Protein backbone atom coordinates (compact mmCIF):
# COMPACT_ATOMS: atom_id res chain seq x y z
CA MET A 1 -126.98 -258.90 93.32
CA ASN A 2 -127.40 -262.69 93.11
CA SER A 3 -124.76 -265.23 92.11
CA HIS A 4 -126.04 -265.39 88.51
CA GLU A 5 -125.52 -261.65 88.13
CA ARG A 6 -122.05 -261.98 89.67
CA ALA A 7 -121.29 -264.85 87.28
CA GLY A 8 -122.31 -262.57 84.41
CA GLU A 9 -119.78 -260.01 85.61
CA LEU A 10 -117.08 -262.66 85.41
CA GLN A 11 -117.91 -263.21 81.76
CA ALA A 12 -117.30 -259.57 80.83
CA GLU A 13 -114.89 -258.63 78.04
CA PRO A 14 -111.24 -259.33 78.85
CA SER A 15 -109.24 -256.39 80.10
CA ALA A 16 -106.55 -254.77 77.98
CA ASP A 17 -103.84 -256.40 80.07
CA SER A 18 -105.38 -259.91 80.09
CA HIS A 19 -102.50 -261.12 77.93
CA ASN A 20 -100.40 -260.75 81.12
CA ALA A 21 -102.76 -262.83 83.26
CA TRP A 22 -100.84 -264.82 85.90
CA TRP A 23 -102.33 -268.15 84.86
CA LYS A 24 -100.95 -267.95 81.35
CA GLU A 25 -97.35 -268.45 82.44
CA ALA A 26 -97.67 -269.90 85.93
CA VAL A 27 -96.12 -273.23 86.84
CA VAL A 28 -98.94 -275.33 88.30
CA TYR A 29 -98.23 -278.36 90.48
CA GLN A 30 -101.07 -280.78 91.14
CA ILE A 31 -101.17 -282.45 94.55
CA TYR A 32 -103.26 -285.54 95.28
CA PRO A 33 -103.27 -285.22 99.08
CA ARG A 34 -103.91 -288.89 99.87
CA SER A 35 -100.54 -289.96 98.45
CA PHE A 36 -98.44 -286.82 98.76
CA MET A 37 -97.16 -286.78 102.36
CA ASP A 38 -98.38 -288.40 105.57
CA SER A 39 -97.70 -286.30 108.68
CA ASP A 40 -99.25 -288.52 111.35
CA GLY A 41 -98.19 -292.05 110.38
CA ASP A 42 -101.63 -293.39 109.43
CA GLY A 43 -100.56 -294.13 105.86
CA ILE A 44 -102.76 -291.40 104.34
CA GLY A 45 -101.34 -288.13 103.05
CA ASP A 46 -102.81 -285.06 104.71
CA LEU A 47 -102.79 -281.28 104.76
CA GLN A 48 -100.09 -281.01 107.42
CA GLY A 49 -97.98 -283.36 105.31
CA ILE A 50 -98.38 -280.99 102.38
CA VAL A 51 -97.48 -278.01 104.60
CA SER A 52 -94.29 -279.81 105.65
CA ARG A 53 -93.18 -280.05 101.99
CA LEU A 54 -94.21 -276.62 100.67
CA ASP A 55 -90.62 -275.32 100.71
CA TYR A 56 -89.67 -278.21 98.44
CA VAL A 57 -92.61 -277.50 96.11
CA LYS A 58 -91.71 -273.80 95.94
CA ASN A 59 -88.08 -274.68 95.14
CA LEU A 60 -89.33 -276.58 92.09
CA GLY A 61 -90.41 -273.20 90.71
CA VAL A 62 -94.11 -273.72 91.40
CA ASP A 63 -96.43 -270.69 91.32
CA VAL A 64 -99.76 -272.45 91.87
CA ILE A 65 -100.77 -275.56 93.78
CA TRP A 66 -103.74 -277.37 92.28
CA LEU A 67 -105.20 -279.36 95.15
CA ASN A 68 -107.33 -282.41 94.34
CA PRO A 69 -110.62 -282.58 96.28
CA ILE A 70 -110.23 -282.46 100.06
CA TYR A 71 -113.92 -281.95 100.82
CA ASP A 72 -115.87 -284.27 103.10
CA SER A 73 -116.52 -287.48 101.20
CA PRO A 74 -117.35 -291.13 101.86
CA ASN A 75 -114.41 -291.70 99.47
CA ASP A 76 -116.19 -294.14 97.18
CA ASP A 77 -114.79 -292.24 94.18
CA ASN A 78 -111.35 -291.14 95.50
CA GLY A 79 -112.77 -287.95 97.00
CA TYR A 80 -114.69 -286.91 93.91
CA ASP A 81 -117.95 -288.00 95.56
CA ILE A 82 -118.42 -284.94 97.73
CA ARG A 83 -120.75 -285.18 100.68
CA ASN A 84 -120.24 -281.67 102.04
CA TYR A 85 -118.57 -278.87 100.08
CA ARG A 86 -117.90 -276.85 103.24
CA ARG A 87 -116.00 -279.43 105.27
CA ILE A 88 -112.60 -281.06 105.04
CA MET A 89 -112.43 -284.85 104.78
CA ALA A 90 -111.26 -286.08 108.19
CA ASP A 91 -108.48 -288.21 106.62
CA PHE A 92 -106.84 -284.99 105.42
CA GLY A 93 -107.14 -282.99 108.63
CA THR A 94 -109.19 -280.07 109.83
CA MET A 95 -110.24 -276.67 108.62
CA ASP A 96 -107.40 -275.25 110.77
CA ASP A 97 -104.98 -277.50 108.87
CA PHE A 98 -106.36 -276.16 105.61
CA ASP A 99 -105.97 -272.58 106.87
CA ASP A 100 -102.34 -273.37 107.79
CA PHE A 101 -101.76 -274.82 104.32
CA VAL A 102 -103.16 -271.77 102.54
CA ALA A 103 -101.30 -269.34 104.81
CA GLU A 104 -97.98 -271.12 104.24
CA ALA A 105 -98.52 -271.39 100.48
CA HIS A 106 -99.29 -267.67 100.32
CA ARG A 107 -96.30 -266.83 102.54
CA LEU A 108 -94.13 -268.64 100.01
CA GLY A 109 -95.74 -266.71 97.15
CA MET A 110 -97.85 -269.55 95.76
CA LYS A 111 -101.51 -269.46 94.85
CA VAL A 112 -103.89 -272.28 95.76
CA LEU A 113 -106.38 -273.70 93.28
CA MET A 114 -108.94 -276.09 94.74
CA ASP A 115 -110.39 -278.80 92.52
CA TRP A 116 -114.15 -278.26 92.36
CA VAL A 117 -116.45 -281.14 91.44
CA ALA A 118 -119.58 -279.47 90.14
CA ASN A 119 -121.10 -282.27 88.06
CA HIS A 120 -122.09 -284.70 90.77
CA THR A 121 -122.06 -285.41 94.50
CA SER A 122 -122.13 -288.39 96.77
CA ARG A 123 -125.62 -289.79 97.12
CA ASP A 124 -125.00 -289.11 100.80
CA ALA A 125 -124.58 -285.37 100.18
CA ARG A 126 -125.60 -283.65 103.40
CA TRP A 127 -125.51 -280.13 101.96
CA ILE A 128 -128.70 -280.89 100.04
CA ALA A 129 -130.39 -283.16 102.58
CA GLY A 130 -134.10 -283.31 101.95
CA LYS A 131 -133.84 -282.01 98.39
CA PRO A 132 -132.43 -284.84 96.25
CA ALA A 133 -135.64 -285.34 94.30
CA SER A 134 -135.39 -281.88 92.78
CA TRP A 135 -131.62 -281.38 92.82
CA TYR A 136 -130.53 -284.45 90.85
CA GLU A 137 -131.07 -285.51 87.27
CA ARG A 138 -133.26 -288.60 87.05
CA ASP A 139 -132.84 -291.78 85.02
CA ALA A 140 -135.71 -293.60 83.31
CA SER A 141 -136.62 -295.40 86.56
CA GLY A 142 -136.87 -292.12 88.48
CA GLU A 143 -133.70 -292.73 90.47
CA PRO A 144 -130.93 -290.12 90.62
CA ALA A 145 -128.82 -290.40 87.47
CA VAL A 146 -125.24 -291.53 88.00
CA PRO A 147 -122.35 -290.20 85.91
CA TRP A 148 -120.58 -293.60 85.97
CA ASP A 149 -121.90 -297.06 86.74
CA TRP A 150 -119.20 -297.88 89.28
CA THR A 151 -119.71 -294.97 91.69
CA ASP A 152 -122.23 -294.12 94.35
CA THR A 153 -122.66 -290.61 93.01
CA ALA A 154 -125.54 -288.75 91.43
CA LYS A 155 -125.53 -286.03 88.76
CA LEU A 156 -126.69 -282.60 89.80
CA ASP A 157 -129.52 -281.08 87.77
CA TYR A 158 -128.41 -277.62 86.70
CA ALA A 159 -131.81 -276.95 85.16
CA ASN A 160 -132.78 -276.32 88.79
CA ARG A 161 -131.77 -272.78 89.76
CA ASP A 162 -131.42 -273.86 93.42
CA VAL A 163 -128.51 -276.11 92.41
CA TRP A 164 -126.74 -273.13 90.83
CA GLU A 165 -127.36 -271.04 93.93
CA ALA A 166 -126.14 -273.77 96.30
CA GLN A 167 -122.95 -274.33 94.29
CA ALA A 168 -122.30 -270.59 94.11
CA ALA A 169 -122.82 -270.26 97.86
CA ALA A 170 -120.41 -273.12 98.54
CA MET A 171 -117.77 -271.53 96.29
CA GLU A 172 -118.31 -268.17 97.95
CA PHE A 173 -117.71 -269.86 101.33
CA TRP A 174 -114.16 -270.77 100.26
CA ILE A 175 -113.50 -267.47 98.51
CA ALA A 176 -114.59 -265.49 101.56
CA ARG A 177 -112.46 -267.68 103.81
CA HIS A 178 -109.24 -267.09 101.88
CA ALA A 179 -109.75 -264.24 99.45
CA VAL A 180 -106.49 -262.44 98.75
């Protein structure tokens, strides 16, 4: 079964108990890691800083942490210009730090929701190296289309099935890593 077939399964009719879905009444707390808590004194918030404050967040009555993008990025667009969907931006820590964050959030009974930027990537996106001509929408000059004039990003072309497959595979990477 490919990711499109799996996506179709996700669009099935709601279950009889969907009115009790956790997300309908959950308290969601959004964390922008860069400014939340710095654990190592470099002036940039990081994953270990977040871990150090999870008890506080839980005591606020939070059920779900919505984490702004922490993926590898040149940071030209505040982390929304993703270079590699399967790596953590070095400013925020390591994959082990992310694993610690998720484990501690789950231990405290909180879910983790990762912000996913599916519309565009950094023009320096390594996960599609060698394929930008076919993976990005094009403007009239033939250059990769940008979603905003002030960023060094390019819009992904979802008419290309390979883009769908690559995004699904990247999402599955994170789901497999921390499925609960």
